[in-house]
N, C-alpha and C. Protein backbone atom coordinates (compact mmCIF):
# COMPACT_ATOMS: atom_id res chain seq x y z
N UNK A 1 -47.74 18.95 107.19
CA UNK A 1 -47.32 18.43 108.47
C UNK A 1 -45.88 17.94 108.35
N UNK A 2 -45.13 18.24 109.32
CA UNK A 2 -43.73 17.88 109.32
C UNK A 2 -43.54 16.37 109.53
N UNK A 3 -42.78 15.76 108.62
CA UNK A 3 -42.46 14.34 108.78
C UNK A 3 -41.68 14.11 110.08
N UNK A 4 -40.89 15.10 110.47
CA UNK A 4 -40.12 14.97 111.71
C UNK A 4 -41.05 14.89 112.91
N UNK A 5 -42.13 15.66 112.92
CA UNK A 5 -43.08 15.62 114.02
C UNK A 5 -43.78 14.26 114.06
N UNK A 6 -44.18 13.76 112.92
CA UNK A 6 -44.81 12.45 112.86
C UNK A 6 -43.86 11.38 113.37
N UNK A 7 -42.61 11.45 112.98
CA UNK A 7 -41.62 10.46 113.44
C UNK A 7 -41.41 10.54 114.94
N UNK A 8 -41.39 11.75 115.49
CA UNK A 8 -41.21 11.90 116.93
C UNK A 8 -42.38 11.29 117.69
N UNK A 9 -43.59 11.44 117.17
CA UNK A 9 -44.75 10.81 117.80
C UNK A 9 -44.62 9.29 117.71
N UNK A 10 -44.24 8.80 116.53
CA UNK A 10 -44.08 7.36 116.33
C UNK A 10 -43.00 6.78 117.24
N UNK A 11 -42.01 7.60 117.58
CA UNK A 11 -40.92 7.16 118.45
C UNK A 11 -41.28 7.22 119.93
N UNK A 12 -42.52 7.65 120.23
CA UNK A 12 -42.96 7.62 121.62
C UNK A 12 -43.28 8.95 122.25
N UNK A 13 -43.10 10.05 121.53
CA UNK A 13 -43.39 11.37 122.10
C UNK A 13 -44.89 11.64 122.05
N UNK A 14 -45.64 10.92 122.87
CA UNK A 14 -47.10 11.04 122.85
C UNK A 14 -47.58 12.42 123.25
N UNK A 15 -46.76 13.18 123.96
CA UNK A 15 -47.14 14.54 124.31
C UNK A 15 -47.29 15.43 123.08
N UNK A 16 -46.68 15.04 121.96
CA UNK A 16 -46.75 15.83 120.74
C UNK A 16 -48.02 15.57 119.93
N UNK A 17 -48.82 14.58 120.34
CA UNK A 17 -50.07 14.30 119.64
C UNK A 17 -50.95 15.55 119.63
N UNK A 18 -51.02 16.25 120.74
CA UNK A 18 -51.85 17.44 120.82
C UNK A 18 -51.34 18.56 119.91
N UNK A 19 -50.04 18.67 119.80
CA UNK A 19 -49.44 19.64 118.89
C UNK A 19 -49.82 19.30 117.45
N UNK A 20 -49.72 18.02 117.11
CA UNK A 20 -50.04 17.57 115.76
C UNK A 20 -51.50 17.83 115.43
N UNK A 21 -52.39 17.52 116.37
CA UNK A 21 -53.81 17.77 116.14
C UNK A 21 -54.09 19.26 115.96
N UNK A 22 -53.44 20.09 116.76
CA UNK A 22 -53.63 21.53 116.66
C UNK A 22 -53.13 22.06 115.32
N UNK A 23 -52.15 21.38 114.73
CA UNK A 23 -51.62 21.80 113.43
C UNK A 23 -52.39 21.19 112.26
N UNK A 24 -53.43 20.40 112.57
CA UNK A 24 -54.28 19.89 111.51
C UNK A 24 -54.06 18.45 111.10
N UNK A 25 -53.22 17.71 111.81
CA UNK A 25 -53.02 16.30 111.49
C UNK A 25 -54.31 15.56 111.78
N UNK A 26 -54.83 14.79 110.81
CA UNK A 26 -56.08 14.08 111.06
C UNK A 26 -55.89 12.93 112.05
N UNK A 27 -56.93 12.60 112.78
CA UNK A 27 -56.88 11.53 113.76
C UNK A 27 -56.66 10.17 113.10
N UNK A 28 -56.83 10.10 111.80
CA UNK A 28 -56.63 8.85 111.06
C UNK A 28 -55.21 8.71 110.52
N UNK A 29 -54.33 9.60 110.88
CA UNK A 29 -52.96 9.60 110.37
C UNK A 29 -52.21 8.33 110.74
N UNK A 30 -51.33 7.90 109.85
CA UNK A 30 -50.47 6.74 110.09
C UNK A 30 -49.03 7.13 109.81
N UNK A 31 -48.10 6.38 110.40
CA UNK A 31 -46.69 6.64 110.14
C UNK A 31 -46.29 5.97 108.82
N UNK A 32 -45.00 6.03 108.50
CA UNK A 32 -44.54 5.49 107.21
C UNK A 32 -44.63 3.97 107.12
N UNK A 33 -44.93 3.30 108.23
CA UNK A 33 -45.10 1.85 108.23
C UNK A 33 -46.56 1.45 108.35
N UNK A 34 -47.45 2.42 108.28
CA UNK A 34 -48.87 2.15 108.32
C UNK A 34 -49.47 1.99 109.70
N UNK A 35 -48.71 2.36 110.73
CA UNK A 35 -49.20 2.24 112.10
C UNK A 35 -49.92 3.53 112.47
N UNK A 36 -51.12 3.39 113.02
CA UNK A 36 -51.88 4.55 113.46
C UNK A 36 -51.12 5.26 114.57
N UNK A 37 -50.92 6.55 114.41
CA UNK A 37 -50.20 7.31 115.42
C UNK A 37 -51.01 7.46 116.70
N UNK A 38 -52.32 7.37 116.59
CA UNK A 38 -53.17 7.56 117.76
C UNK A 38 -53.60 6.24 118.37
N UNK A 39 -53.26 5.15 117.76
CA UNK A 39 -53.54 3.83 118.31
C UNK A 39 -52.25 3.26 118.90
N UNK A 40 -51.18 3.33 118.14
CA UNK A 40 -49.90 2.88 118.62
C UNK A 40 -49.70 1.38 118.57
N UNK A 41 -50.73 0.65 118.23
CA UNK A 41 -50.62 -0.81 118.18
C UNK A 41 -50.49 -1.28 116.76
N UNK A 42 -49.54 -2.12 116.53
CA UNK A 42 -49.35 -2.70 115.20
C UNK A 42 -49.86 -4.13 115.28
N UNK A 43 -50.70 -4.47 114.34
CA UNK A 43 -51.18 -5.84 114.30
C UNK A 43 -50.56 -6.53 113.10
N UNK A 44 -50.16 -7.76 113.30
CA UNK A 44 -49.57 -8.52 112.21
C UNK A 44 -50.29 -9.84 112.09
N UNK A 45 -50.45 -10.29 110.86
CA UNK A 45 -51.06 -11.59 110.63
C UNK A 45 -50.05 -12.69 110.94
N UNK A 46 -50.52 -13.75 111.55
CA UNK A 46 -49.63 -14.87 111.86
C UNK A 46 -50.02 -16.09 111.08
C-alpha cells in the first residue's frame, strides 16, 4: 500500500478510503501517528 495514499486519507481525503479498501488496506490500518484511518478520532490521555 502506498504511504502517499495513506497520508492523503489521513489529511482528509475520505473519498480515497474506498480506493484503499479495494487495494487491500485492512480496516484496522493506522497512520504513522497511530490514528485509525477509518475512525479519524485521536484520543489522548489527560
